[in-house]
């Protein structure tokens, strides 16, 4: 059974371009994107992320959880310098905007993935660092892939 989904014209155009690069249908492209997302993001929801975060706060430069909240922001955390920080967890950094959180009420966003270092002026700590520094020379197409530099 097939169905339709409502997406913006700009998003449809982006999907069309991405699918055309690989000469596949929109459906195949979406399936691949979903599979890739699920393989990269090991948490099904923010509760699973919170459980992991609480066991790994030291990885983010935090000393201890001062308060876990049911609302926004999710935590008050003491950093390694003894300062209290208001921390909001998000699976994807831009969910902070989608959830309409007030950037004045949080000090740090911790997320699984973000392509930004800050969102609405709030610093972002991302578990997955996806910014690669790849240098591909102009004549790269004339060289075998083994000669490309990745740093």
N, C-alpha and C. Protein backbone atom coordinates (compact mmCIF):
# COMPACT_ATOMS: atom_id res chain seq x y z
N UNK A 1 0.84 -1.19 0.00
CA UNK A 1 0.00 0.00 0.00
C UNK A 1 0.88 1.25 0.00
N UNK A 2 0.57 2.18 -0.82
CA UNK A 2 1.31 3.44 -0.90
C UNK A 2 0.47 4.55 -0.28
N UNK A 3 1.19 5.54 0.21
CA UNK A 3 0.52 6.70 0.80
C UNK A 3 1.31 7.94 0.41
N UNK A 4 0.81 9.09 0.74
CA UNK A 4 1.54 10.33 0.47
C UNK A 4 1.89 10.99 1.79
N UNK A 5 3.01 11.69 1.79
CA UNK A 5 3.36 12.49 2.95
C UNK A 5 3.48 13.93 2.50
N UNK A 6 3.09 14.83 3.36
CA UNK A 6 3.13 16.24 3.04
C UNK A 6 4.47 16.81 3.46
N UNK A 7 5.24 17.32 2.50
CA UNK A 7 6.51 17.97 2.80
C UNK A 7 6.58 19.26 1.99
N UNK A 8 7.45 20.15 2.42
CA UNK A 8 7.59 21.42 1.73
C UNK A 8 8.19 21.19 0.34
N UNK A 9 7.96 22.14 -0.53
CA UNK A 9 8.52 22.06 -1.88
C UNK A 9 10.04 22.05 -1.83
N UNK A 10 10.63 22.85 -0.93
CA UNK A 10 12.09 22.89 -0.85
C UNK A 10 12.65 21.54 -0.41
N UNK A 11 12.01 20.91 0.57
CA UNK A 11 12.47 19.61 1.04
C UNK A 11 12.31 18.55 -0.06
N UNK A 12 11.22 18.62 -0.82
CA UNK A 12 11.02 17.70 -1.93
C UNK A 12 12.12 17.85 -2.97
N UNK A 13 12.50 19.09 -3.25
CA UNK A 13 13.58 19.33 -4.22
C UNK A 13 14.91 18.76 -3.71
N UNK A 14 15.19 18.96 -2.42
CA UNK A 14 16.43 18.42 -1.85
C UNK A 14 16.44 16.90 -1.92
N UNK A 15 15.31 16.29 -1.62
CA UNK A 15 15.20 14.83 -1.70
C UNK A 15 15.38 14.36 -3.14
N UNK A 16 14.80 15.07 -4.08
CA UNK A 16 14.94 14.72 -5.49
C UNK A 16 16.40 14.74 -5.92
N UNK A 17 17.12 15.78 -5.51
CA UNK A 17 18.54 15.89 -5.87
C UNK A 17 19.33 14.74 -5.25
N UNK A 18 19.12 14.47 -3.97
CA UNK A 18 19.84 13.39 -3.30
C UNK A 18 19.53 12.03 -3.93
N UNK A 19 18.27 11.79 -4.25
CA UNK A 19 17.90 10.53 -4.89
C UNK A 19 18.50 10.42 -6.28
N UNK A 20 18.54 11.54 -7.01
CA UNK A 20 19.08 11.51 -8.37
C UNK A 20 20.59 11.25 -8.38
N UNK A 21 21.29 11.72 -7.36
CA UNK A 21 22.73 11.45 -7.28
C UNK A 21 23.00 9.95 -7.29
N UNK A 22 22.11 9.19 -6.70
CA UNK A 22 22.30 7.74 -6.59
C UNK A 22 21.42 6.97 -7.56
N UNK A 23 20.62 7.68 -8.35
CA UNK A 23 19.73 7.06 -9.33
C UNK A 23 18.79 6.06 -8.65
N UNK A 24 18.15 6.54 -7.57
CA UNK A 24 17.19 5.71 -6.83
C UNK A 24 15.89 6.50 -6.63
N UNK A 25 14.85 5.80 -6.24
CA UNK A 25 13.56 6.46 -6.02
C UNK A 25 13.57 7.23 -4.70
N UNK A 26 12.59 8.14 -4.54
CA UNK A 26 12.45 8.87 -3.27
C UNK A 26 12.28 7.88 -2.13
N UNK A 27 11.47 6.86 -2.36
CA UNK A 27 11.19 5.87 -1.31
C UNK A 27 12.48 5.16 -0.86
N UNK A 28 13.30 4.76 -1.82
CA UNK A 28 14.57 4.11 -1.48
C UNK A 28 15.49 5.08 -0.72
N UNK A 29 15.52 6.34 -1.15
CA UNK A 29 16.35 7.34 -0.47
C UNK A 29 15.87 7.54 0.97
N UNK A 30 14.57 7.67 1.15
CA UNK A 30 14.04 7.85 2.51
C UNK A 30 14.32 6.64 3.39
N UNK A 31 14.18 5.45 2.83
CA UNK A 31 14.48 4.24 3.59
C UNK A 31 15.94 4.24 4.02
N UNK A 32 16.84 4.57 3.10
CA UNK A 32 18.27 4.62 3.43
C UNK A 32 18.56 5.67 4.50
N UNK A 33 17.92 6.85 4.41
CA UNK A 33 18.14 7.89 5.41
C UNK A 33 17.66 7.44 6.78
N UNK A 34 16.50 6.79 6.82
CA UNK A 34 15.97 6.29 8.09
C UNK A 34 16.89 5.21 8.66
N UNK A 35 17.31 4.29 7.82
CA UNK A 35 18.23 3.23 8.29
C UNK A 35 19.53 3.84 8.82
N UNK A 36 20.06 4.82 8.09
CA UNK A 36 21.30 5.47 8.51
C UNK A 36 21.10 6.18 9.85
N UNK A 37 20.01 6.90 9.98
CA UNK A 37 19.71 7.61 11.23
C UNK A 37 19.62 6.62 12.39
N UNK A 38 18.88 5.53 12.19
CA UNK A 38 18.71 4.55 13.27
C UNK A 38 20.03 3.87 13.64
N UNK A 39 20.91 3.69 12.67
CA UNK A 39 22.19 3.06 12.99
C UNK A 39 23.15 4.02 13.68
N UNK A 40 23.01 5.33 13.43
CA UNK A 40 23.89 6.32 14.02
C UNK A 40 23.42 6.81 15.37
N UNK A 41 22.11 6.83 15.58
CA UNK A 41 21.54 7.34 16.83
C UNK A 41 21.10 6.13 17.65
N UNK A 42 21.87 5.78 18.67
CA UNK A 42 21.60 4.55 19.42
C UNK A 42 20.44 4.64 20.40
N UNK A 43 19.77 5.78 20.47
CA UNK A 43 18.67 5.97 21.42
C UNK A 43 17.36 6.11 20.68
N UNK A 44 16.31 5.49 21.19
CA UNK A 44 14.99 5.59 20.57
C UNK A 44 14.29 6.89 20.96
N UNK A 45 14.65 7.44 22.12
CA UNK A 45 13.97 8.63 22.62
C UNK A 45 14.87 9.34 23.63
N UNK A 46 14.39 10.48 24.12
CA UNK A 46 15.19 11.27 25.07
C UNK A 46 15.36 10.57 26.41
N UNK A 47 14.43 9.71 26.80
CA UNK A 47 14.57 8.99 28.08
C UNK A 47 15.77 8.06 28.03
N UNK A 48 15.95 7.37 26.91
CA UNK A 48 17.12 6.50 26.77
C UNK A 48 18.41 7.33 26.75
N UNK A 49 18.37 8.46 26.06
CA UNK A 49 19.52 9.37 26.05
C UNK A 49 19.82 9.84 27.47
N UNK A 50 18.79 10.21 28.23
CA UNK A 50 18.98 10.69 29.60
C UNK A 50 19.62 9.62 30.49
N UNK A 51 19.17 8.39 30.33
CA UNK A 51 19.73 7.29 31.11
C UNK A 51 21.23 7.15 30.83
N UNK A 52 21.60 7.19 29.55
CA UNK A 52 23.01 7.10 29.17
C UNK A 52 23.78 8.32 29.66
N UNK A 53 23.20 9.51 29.48
CA UNK A 53 23.85 10.76 29.87
C UNK A 53 24.20 10.76 31.36
N UNK A 54 23.26 10.31 32.18
CA UNK A 54 23.46 10.31 33.63
C UNK A 54 24.64 9.43 34.05
N UNK A 55 24.89 8.39 33.29
CA UNK A 55 26.02 7.48 33.57
C UNK A 55 27.34 7.99 32.98
N UNK A 56 27.26 9.00 32.14
CA UNK A 56 28.45 9.47 31.41
C UNK A 56 28.69 10.97 31.50
N UNK A 57 28.21 11.61 32.56
CA UNK A 57 28.32 13.08 32.63
C UNK A 57 29.76 13.56 32.63
N UNK A 58 30.66 12.73 33.14
CA UNK A 58 32.07 13.13 33.17
C UNK A 58 32.65 13.31 31.77
N UNK A 59 32.11 12.62 30.79
CA UNK A 59 32.59 12.76 29.40
C UNK A 59 32.34 14.15 28.83
N UNK A 60 31.41 14.87 29.45
CA UNK A 60 31.04 16.20 28.97
C UNK A 60 31.68 17.31 29.81
N UNK A 61 32.54 16.92 30.76
CA UNK A 61 33.17 17.91 31.62
C UNK A 61 32.30 18.30 32.79
N UNK A 62 31.34 17.45 33.15
CA UNK A 62 30.47 17.73 34.28
C UNK A 62 30.89 16.88 35.47
N UNK A 63 30.68 17.43 36.66
CA UNK A 63 31.09 16.75 37.89
C UNK A 63 29.95 15.90 38.46
N UNK A 64 28.76 16.52 38.57
CA UNK A 64 27.63 15.78 39.16
C UNK A 64 26.31 16.42 38.77
N UNK A 65 25.26 15.63 38.90
CA UNK A 65 23.90 16.13 38.66
C UNK A 65 23.41 16.74 39.97
N UNK A 66 23.03 18.01 39.91
CA UNK A 66 22.51 18.71 41.07
C UNK A 66 21.01 18.47 41.17
N UNK A 67 20.34 18.52 40.01
CA UNK A 67 18.88 18.35 39.98
C UNK A 67 18.46 17.81 38.62
N UNK A 68 17.60 16.80 38.65
CA UNK A 68 16.99 16.29 37.43
C UNK A 68 15.55 16.78 37.45
N UNK A 69 15.14 17.41 36.35
CA UNK A 69 13.81 18.02 36.31
C UNK A 69 12.91 17.30 35.33
N UNK A 70 11.63 17.38 35.59
CA UNK A 70 10.64 16.82 34.66
C UNK A 70 10.39 17.77 33.49
N UNK A 71 10.57 19.05 33.72
CA UNK A 71 10.32 20.05 32.68
C UNK A 71 11.61 20.55 32.06
N UNK A 72 11.52 21.74 31.52
CA UNK A 72 12.65 22.38 30.85
C UNK A 72 13.36 23.30 31.81
N UNK A 73 14.68 23.38 31.86
CA UNK A 73 15.62 22.44 31.25
C UNK A 73 15.66 21.13 32.02
N UNK A 74 16.23 20.11 31.40
CA UNK A 74 16.21 18.76 31.96
C UNK A 74 17.04 18.62 33.24
N UNK A 75 18.17 19.32 33.32
CA UNK A 75 19.10 19.13 34.43
C UNK A 75 19.71 20.44 34.89
N UNK A 76 20.09 20.44 36.17
CA UNK A 76 21.06 21.39 36.69
C UNK A 76 22.26 20.52 37.02
N UNK A 77 23.41 20.91 36.46
CA UNK A 77 24.63 20.10 36.55
C UNK A 77 25.74 20.98 37.12
N UNK A 78 26.59 20.39 37.95
CA UNK A 78 27.78 21.09 38.40
C UNK A 78 28.92 20.71 37.47
N UNK A 79 29.59 21.73 36.90
CA UNK A 79 30.71 21.43 36.02
C UNK A 79 31.98 21.22 36.84
N UNK A 80 33.07 20.93 36.19
CA UNK A 80 34.32 20.61 36.90
C UNK A 80 34.90 21.82 37.62
N UNK A 81 34.38 23.01 37.34
CA UNK A 81 34.86 24.23 38.00
C UNK A 81 33.94 24.64 39.16
N UNK A 82 32.92 23.80 39.41
CA UNK A 82 31.99 24.09 40.51
C UNK A 82 30.83 24.99 40.13
N UNK A 83 30.72 25.34 38.87
CA UNK A 83 29.62 26.21 38.42
C UNK A 83 28.41 25.36 38.05
N UNK A 84 27.22 25.87 38.37
CA UNK A 84 25.98 25.17 38.05
C UNK A 84 25.54 25.58 36.64
N UNK A 85 25.26 24.59 35.82
CA UNK A 85 24.83 24.81 34.43
C UNK A 85 23.45 24.18 34.23
N UNK A 86 22.60 24.89 33.50
CA UNK A 86 21.29 24.34 33.11
C UNK A 86 21.46 23.64 31.77
N UNK A 87 21.13 22.35 31.75
CA UNK A 87 21.40 21.51 30.58
C UNK A 87 20.10 20.96 30.02
N UNK A 88 19.95 21.06 28.71
CA UNK A 88 18.80 20.49 28.00
C UNK A 88 19.30 19.38 27.09
N UNK A 89 18.66 18.21 27.17
CA UNK A 89 19.00 17.09 26.29
C UNK A 89 18.06 17.08 25.08
N UNK A 90 18.61 16.78 23.93
CA UNK A 90 17.83 16.62 22.70
C UNK A 90 18.49 15.51 21.89
N UNK A 91 17.70 14.72 21.19
CA UNK A 91 18.28 13.73 20.29
C UNK A 91 19.03 14.44 19.17
N UNK A 92 18.37 15.37 18.52
CA UNK A 92 18.94 16.17 17.44
C UNK A 92 18.95 17.62 17.93
N UNK A 93 20.05 18.30 17.77
CA UNK A 93 20.18 19.65 18.30
C UNK A 93 19.06 20.59 17.92
N UNK A 94 18.62 20.52 16.66
CA UNK A 94 17.57 21.44 16.21
C UNK A 94 16.21 21.15 16.84
N UNK A 95 16.07 20.02 17.55
CA UNK A 95 14.83 19.77 18.30
C UNK A 95 14.62 20.85 19.36
N UNK A 96 15.70 21.46 19.81
CA UNK A 96 15.62 22.56 20.77
C UNK A 96 14.71 23.66 20.22
N UNK A 97 14.85 23.98 18.95
CA UNK A 97 14.02 25.00 18.30
C UNK A 97 12.61 24.46 18.09
N UNK A 98 12.50 23.21 17.60
CA UNK A 98 11.19 22.61 17.36
C UNK A 98 10.34 22.55 18.62
N UNK A 99 11.00 22.33 19.76
CA UNK A 99 10.28 22.25 21.03
C UNK A 99 10.01 23.63 21.62
N UNK A 100 10.46 24.66 20.90
CA UNK A 100 10.23 26.06 21.30
C UNK A 100 10.77 26.37 22.70
N UNK A 101 11.96 25.87 22.99
CA UNK A 101 12.60 26.16 24.28
C UNK A 101 13.15 27.59 24.27
N UNK A 102 13.17 28.18 25.44
CA UNK A 102 13.69 29.53 25.61
C UNK A 102 15.21 29.47 25.81
N UNK A 103 15.98 30.01 24.88
CA UNK A 103 17.44 29.94 25.00
C UNK A 103 17.99 30.69 26.21
N UNK A 104 17.21 31.59 26.79
CA UNK A 104 17.65 32.34 27.96
C UNK A 104 17.60 31.50 29.23
N UNK A 105 16.93 30.34 29.16
CA UNK A 105 16.75 29.51 30.35
C UNK A 105 17.62 28.26 30.37
N UNK A 106 18.60 28.21 29.46
CA UNK A 106 19.48 27.04 29.40
C UNK A 106 20.90 27.50 29.08
N UNK A 107 21.87 26.79 29.63
CA UNK A 107 23.27 27.15 29.40
C UNK A 107 23.94 26.27 28.34
N UNK A 108 23.51 25.01 28.24
CA UNK A 108 24.14 24.06 27.32
C UNK A 108 23.08 23.10 26.79
N UNK A 109 23.18 22.79 25.50
CA UNK A 109 22.37 21.74 24.89
C UNK A 109 23.28 20.54 24.69
N UNK A 110 22.89 19.38 25.19
CA UNK A 110 23.61 18.14 24.94
C UNK A 110 22.72 17.31 24.03
N UNK A 111 23.28 16.86 22.90
CA UNK A 111 22.48 16.10 21.95
C UNK A 111 23.30 14.98 21.33
N UNK A 112 22.62 14.11 20.63
CA UNK A 112 23.33 13.04 19.93
C UNK A 112 24.02 13.61 18.71
N UNK A 113 23.31 14.46 17.95
CA UNK A 113 23.89 15.03 16.73
C UNK A 113 23.43 16.47 16.54
N UNK A 114 24.36 17.29 16.13
CA UNK A 114 24.06 18.65 15.69
C UNK A 114 25.13 19.06 14.69
N UNK A 115 24.74 19.76 13.67
CA UNK A 115 25.73 20.27 12.72
C UNK A 115 26.11 21.71 13.08
N UNK A 116 25.65 22.16 14.26
CA UNK A 116 25.94 23.51 14.71
C UNK A 116 26.67 23.47 16.06
N UNK A 117 27.54 24.45 16.29
CA UNK A 117 28.24 24.56 17.56
C UNK A 117 27.40 25.28 18.61
N UNK A 118 26.44 26.07 18.14
CA UNK A 118 25.49 26.70 19.06
C UNK A 118 24.15 26.84 18.35
N UNK A 119 23.10 26.85 19.14
CA UNK A 119 21.75 27.00 18.62
C UNK A 119 21.10 28.14 19.38
N UNK A 120 20.72 29.17 18.65
CA UNK A 120 20.14 30.38 19.22
C UNK A 120 21.02 30.93 20.35
N UNK A 121 22.34 30.85 20.15
CA UNK A 121 23.29 31.39 21.11
C UNK A 121 23.65 30.45 22.26
N UNK A 122 23.06 29.26 22.29
CA UNK A 122 23.34 28.28 23.35
C UNK A 122 24.38 27.28 22.84
N UNK A 123 25.50 27.10 23.56
CA UNK A 123 26.51 26.13 23.13
C UNK A 123 25.93 24.71 23.06
N UNK A 124 26.39 23.95 22.07
CA UNK A 124 25.92 22.58 21.86
C UNK A 124 27.07 21.60 22.04
N UNK A 125 26.84 20.56 22.84
CA UNK A 125 27.78 19.45 22.97
C UNK A 125 27.13 18.27 22.28
N UNK A 126 27.73 17.80 21.21
CA UNK A 126 27.18 16.73 20.40
C UNK A 126 27.95 15.45 20.62
N UNK A 127 27.25 14.35 20.86
CA UNK A 127 27.90 13.05 21.05
C UNK A 127 28.57 12.60 19.75
N UNK A 128 27.88 12.77 18.65
CA UNK A 128 28.43 12.40 17.34
C UNK A 128 29.01 13.65 16.71
N UNK A 129 30.29 13.64 16.49
CA UNK A 129 30.97 14.76 15.84
C UNK A 129 31.06 14.43 14.36
N UNK A 130 30.24 15.07 13.56
CA UNK A 130 30.14 14.72 12.15
C UNK A 130 30.87 15.69 11.24
N UNK A 131 31.59 16.62 11.79
CA UNK A 131 32.29 17.59 10.94
C UNK A 131 33.62 17.01 10.53
N UNK A 132 33.71 16.57 9.31
CA UNK A 132 34.94 15.98 8.79
C UNK A 132 35.72 17.02 8.01
N UNK A 133 37.02 16.99 8.14
CA UNK A 133 37.87 17.87 7.37
C UNK A 133 38.43 17.03 6.22
N UNK A 134 37.76 17.08 5.10
CA UNK A 134 38.15 16.28 3.94
C UNK A 134 38.65 17.20 2.84
N UNK A 135 39.84 16.93 2.37
CA UNK A 135 40.40 17.70 1.27
C UNK A 135 40.37 16.83 0.01
N UNK A 136 39.62 17.28 -0.98
CA UNK A 136 39.55 16.56 -2.25
C UNK A 136 40.09 17.51 -3.32
N UNK A 137 41.24 17.18 -3.89
CA UNK A 137 41.82 18.04 -4.92
C UNK A 137 40.90 18.16 -6.14
N UNK A 138 41.04 19.26 -6.87
CA UNK A 138 40.21 19.49 -8.06
C UNK A 138 40.31 18.36 -9.07
N UNK A 139 41.47 17.75 -9.18
CA UNK A 139 41.64 16.68 -10.16
C UNK A 139 41.39 15.30 -9.53
N UNK A 140 40.63 15.26 -8.46
CA UNK A 140 40.41 14.00 -7.73
C UNK A 140 39.75 12.94 -8.60
N UNK A 141 38.91 13.34 -9.51
CA UNK A 141 38.21 12.36 -10.34
C UNK A 141 39.18 11.60 -11.24
N UNK A 142 40.34 12.18 -11.48
CA UNK A 142 41.32 11.51 -12.32
C UNK A 142 42.20 10.55 -11.52
N UNK A 143 42.08 10.59 -10.17
CA UNK A 143 42.91 9.74 -9.33
C UNK A 143 42.10 8.61 -8.72
N UNK A 144 42.72 7.49 -8.45
CA UNK A 144 42.03 6.43 -7.73
C UNK A 144 41.67 6.90 -6.33
N UNK A 145 40.58 6.40 -5.75
CA UNK A 145 40.11 6.81 -4.43
C UNK A 145 41.17 6.62 -3.36
N UNK A 146 42.06 5.69 -3.52
CA UNK A 146 43.09 5.42 -2.51
C UNK A 146 44.06 6.58 -2.34
N UNK A 147 44.11 7.50 -3.33
CA UNK A 147 45.02 8.62 -3.25
C UNK A 147 44.40 9.86 -2.62
N UNK A 148 43.11 9.84 -2.30
CA UNK A 148 42.46 11.01 -1.70
C UNK A 148 42.89 11.13 -0.25
N UNK A 149 43.11 12.37 0.21
CA UNK A 149 43.52 12.61 1.58
C UNK A 149 42.30 12.89 2.45
N UNK A 150 42.20 12.22 3.56
CA UNK A 150 41.17 12.46 4.56
C UNK A 150 41.87 12.73 5.87
N UNK A 151 41.58 13.89 6.46
CA UNK A 151 42.24 14.21 7.74
C UNK A 151 41.21 14.58 8.77
